[in-house]
Amino acid sequence: MNATTKRVLVGAAIVMLGVYSASIVAGTWAAAGRLELDRQDLGELQQKLLEIDRISTVPRVAALELEAPDRISNRLSAAMKEAGMSDNLLANQTPLPPQRIGQSDFTLRRVEIKLNAATIPQIVAFCDALKDESTGSVVRDLQLYEPRSMGATETWNSQMTLTQVIFSPKSDS
C-alpha cells in the first residue's frame, strides 16, 4: 500500500465518520423535536384529565333512565329519616308520567309530595336529602300552608314537586 492509497483510505474513513456523526446529530435533533411534541401532548393530556376530573364532580342535568317508583319510595323514606321525620308525616306521593320538554330530547318526570305538620328545618332537610345529582333529581315548587303553633314549635303542611330530567332521544321514525 502506498502513501496515496493510505491517504485515500484515511480520507474516506474521515468522510464516513463525518457522515455518521452528521446522521447521529440529525437523529438527536429529530429525537429532541419528538420529545418536545411528546411534552406538549403530555401537557394537553394532563389538562384533559383535569377537565374530566372537574366535569365528573359537576352535577348531572339529566339521567339516562327513568327512576323506578319503588326506588323513589325508598328515597322518600330515607330522606324522611335523614330529616328526623316520622313516616306518618308523609301525607301523599303521586308520581306523574314523564312529559317531553318541548321538542327536545329530554323528558321531565314529576312526583308530587305532600307532608303534614313538619317544621321548616325538617322540610328543608327533607328537600336536601331528596336531591340526587346522579339521577338529575331535585325538589322544586315548594309550598307551605296551614301553619300551626304548639308552644314554641311551629309546623307547616307542605307540598313540593320532586323532578327528574331524563335524556330520552326522540325516535327518527
Protein backbone atom coordinates (compact mmCIF):
# COMPACT_ATOMS: atom_id res chain seq x y z
CA MET A 1 0.00 0.00 0.00
CA ASN A 2 1.47 3.23 -0.99
CA ALA A 3 1.04 6.62 0.67
CA THR A 4 -1.61 7.81 -1.77
CA THR A 5 -3.80 4.79 -1.14
CA LYS A 6 -3.42 5.26 2.60
CA ARG A 7 -4.41 8.91 2.27
CA VAL A 8 -7.46 7.97 0.20
CA LEU A 9 -8.49 5.34 2.77
CA VAL A 10 -7.95 7.73 5.68
CA GLY A 11 -9.84 10.46 3.82
CA ALA A 12 -12.68 8.04 3.06
CA ALA A 13 -12.77 6.97 6.72
CA ILE A 14 -12.88 10.61 7.83
CA VAL A 15 -15.69 11.34 5.37
CA MET A 16 -17.60 8.25 6.60
CA LEU A 17 -17.11 9.30 10.22
CA GLY A 18 -18.31 12.79 9.31
CA VAL A 19 -21.42 11.41 7.58
CA TYR A 20 -22.05 9.04 10.51
CA SER A 21 -21.61 11.89 13.02
CA ALA A 22 -23.91 14.13 10.97
CA SER A 23 -26.59 11.42 10.88
CA ILE A 24 -26.31 10.92 14.66
CA VAL A 25 -26.60 14.69 15.24
CA ALA A 26 -29.60 14.82 12.88
CA GLY A 27 -31.18 11.85 14.69
CA THR A 28 -30.57 13.57 18.03
CA TRP A 29 -32.23 16.76 16.79
CA ALA A 30 -35.19 14.73 15.49
CA ALA A 31 -35.50 12.93 18.84
CA ALA A 32 -35.37 16.29 20.63
CA GLY A 33 -38.17 17.53 18.38
CA ARG A 34 -40.26 14.42 19.10
CA LEU A 35 -39.56 14.84 22.82
CA GLU A 36 -40.85 18.41 22.69
CA LEU A 37 -44.00 17.25 20.87
CA ASP A 38 -44.45 14.50 23.47
CA ARG A 39 -44.12 17.09 26.24
CA GLN A 40 -46.81 19.20 24.58
CA ASP A 41 -49.03 16.12 24.24
CA LEU A 42 -48.44 15.29 27.90
CA GLY A 43 -49.40 18.82 28.91
CA GLU A 44 -52.57 18.60 26.82
CA LEU A 45 -53.38 15.19 28.28
CA GLN A 46 -52.92 16.50 31.81
CA GLN A 47 -55.27 19.40 31.03
CA LYS A 48 -57.88 16.99 29.65
CA LEU A 49 -57.58 14.75 32.73
CA LEU A 50 -58.09 17.79 34.96
CA GLU A 51 -61.15 18.72 32.87
CA ILE A 52 -62.51 15.17 33.21
CA ASP A 53 -62.00 15.32 36.98
CA ARG A 54 -63.73 18.71 37.11
CA ILE A 55 -66.64 17.54 34.98
CA SER A 56 -67.05 14.31 36.94
CA THR A 57 -67.85 16.33 40.06
CA VAL A 58 -70.35 18.59 38.30
CA PRO A 59 -73.99 17.71 38.94
CA ARG A 60 -75.76 15.96 36.13
CA VAL A 61 -78.56 17.76 34.45
CA ALA A 62 -80.28 14.65 33.19
CA ALA A 63 -80.42 10.96 33.98
CA LEU A 64 -80.08 8.31 31.32
CA GLU A 65 -83.06 6.32 32.57
CA LEU A 66 -86.28 6.83 34.47
CA GLU A 67 -86.01 6.15 38.19
CA ALA A 68 -88.21 3.24 39.28
CA PRO A 69 -91.22 4.07 41.53
CA ASP A 70 -90.04 1.72 44.29
CA ARG A 71 -86.66 3.45 44.32
CA ILE A 72 -88.43 6.80 44.73
CA SER A 73 -90.39 5.41 47.69
CA ASN A 74 -87.15 4.20 49.25
CA ARG A 75 -85.56 7.62 48.69
CA LEU A 76 -88.55 9.31 50.32
CA SER A 77 -88.28 7.06 53.39
CA ALA A 78 -84.53 7.60 53.64
CA ALA A 79 -84.95 11.37 53.26
CA MET A 80 -87.59 11.43 56.00
CA LYS A 81 -85.26 9.56 58.36
CA GLU A 82 -82.38 11.88 57.48
CA ALA A 83 -84.60 14.89 58.20
CA GLY A 84 -85.68 13.43 61.55
CA MET A 85 -89.28 12.97 60.46
CA SER A 86 -91.61 10.08 61.18
CA ASP A 87 -93.16 8.23 58.23
CA ASN A 88 -96.66 9.35 59.20
CA LEU A 89 -95.81 12.94 58.15
CA LEU A 90 -95.84 11.82 54.50
CA ALA A 91 -99.44 12.50 53.51
CA ASN A 92 -99.19 11.64 49.83
CA GLN A 93 -96.82 10.94 46.95
CA THR A 94 -98.03 10.97 43.36
CA PRO A 95 -95.61 10.05 40.56
CA LEU A 96 -96.75 11.61 37.29
CA PRO A 97 -95.92 10.18 33.85
CA PRO A 98 -92.91 11.73 32.12
CA GLN A 99 -93.61 14.54 29.69
CA ARG A 100 -91.40 15.64 26.81
CA ILE A 101 -89.81 19.05 27.31
CA GLY A 102 -90.79 20.95 24.18
CA GLN A 103 -89.19 19.47 21.08
CA SER A 104 -86.04 18.42 22.96
CA ASP A 105 -84.51 15.01 23.63
CA PHE A 106 -85.43 15.29 27.31
CA THR A 107 -88.44 14.31 29.37
CA LEU A 108 -89.44 15.58 32.79
CA ARG A 109 -90.98 13.34 35.42
CA ARG A 110 -92.59 14.93 38.46
CA VAL A 111 -93.51 13.39 41.78
CA GLU A 112 -95.95 15.46 43.84
CA ILE A 113 -95.25 15.09 47.57
CA LYS A 114 -97.36 16.31 50.49
CA LEU A 115 -96.12 16.47 54.07
CA ASN A 116 -98.18 17.12 57.20
CA ALA A 117 -97.13 19.18 60.22
CA ALA A 118 -93.37 19.41 59.75
CA THR A 119 -91.06 22.15 60.97
CA ILE A 120 -89.26 24.39 58.49
CA PRO A 121 -85.85 22.84 59.34
CA GLN A 122 -87.31 19.35 58.79
CA ILE A 123 -88.80 20.37 55.42
CA VAL A 124 -85.53 21.92 54.27
CA ALA A 125 -83.53 18.86 55.41
CA PHE A 126 -86.05 16.60 53.64
CA CYS A 127 -85.70 18.56 50.37
CA ASP A 128 -81.90 18.49 50.63
CA ALA A 129 -81.93 14.74 51.28
CA LEU A 130 -84.09 14.14 48.19
CA LYS A 131 -81.65 15.92 45.89
CA ASP A 132 -79.73 13.31 43.89
CA GLU A 133 -77.24 14.62 41.36
CA SER A 134 -76.58 11.15 39.97
CA THR A 135 -80.17 10.86 38.74
CA GLY A 136 -80.78 14.54 37.99
CA SER A 137 -83.46 14.76 40.73
CA VAL A 138 -84.18 17.97 42.58
CA VAL A 139 -87.08 19.36 44.63
CA ARG A 140 -88.79 22.43 43.27
CA ASP A 141 -92.10 24.27 43.69
CA LEU A 142 -92.21 24.11 47.49
CA GLN A 143 -95.43 25.46 49.01
CA LEU A 144 -96.06 25.91 52.73
CA TYR A 145 -99.59 26.24 54.10
CA GLU A 146 -101.68 25.82 57.26
CA PRO A 147 -99.16 26.84 59.91
CA ARG A 148 -99.76 25.51 63.42
CA SER A 149 -98.10 26.54 66.65
CA MET A 150 -97.64 24.18 69.55
CA GLY A 151 -95.83 26.21 72.16
CA ALA A 152 -92.54 27.39 70.68
CA THR A 153 -92.75 24.89 67.80
CA GLU A 154 -94.33 25.96 64.52
CA THR A 155 -95.28 23.29 61.97
CA TRP A 156 -96.48 23.60 58.41
CA ASN A 157 -98.19 21.39 55.88
CA SER A 158 -96.20 21.44 52.66
CA GLN A 159 -96.43 20.39 49.08
CA MET A 160 -93.43 20.03 46.80
CA THR A 161 -92.50 18.64 43.43
CA LEU A 162 -89.56 16.26 43.02
CA THR A 163 -88.42 16.48 39.40
CA GLN A 164 -86.18 14.26 37.34
CA VAL A 165 -84.95 15.20 33.87
CA ILE A 166 -84.31 12.15 31.68
CA PHE A 167 -82.36 12.04 28.43
CA SER A 168 -84.78 10.39 26.03
CA PRO A 169 -83.95 10.93 22.35
CA LYS A 170 -86.90 11.29 20.03
CA SER A 171 -87.42 8.45 17.59
CA ASP A 172 -86.50 9.26 13.97
CA SER A 173 -89.38 7.16 12.68
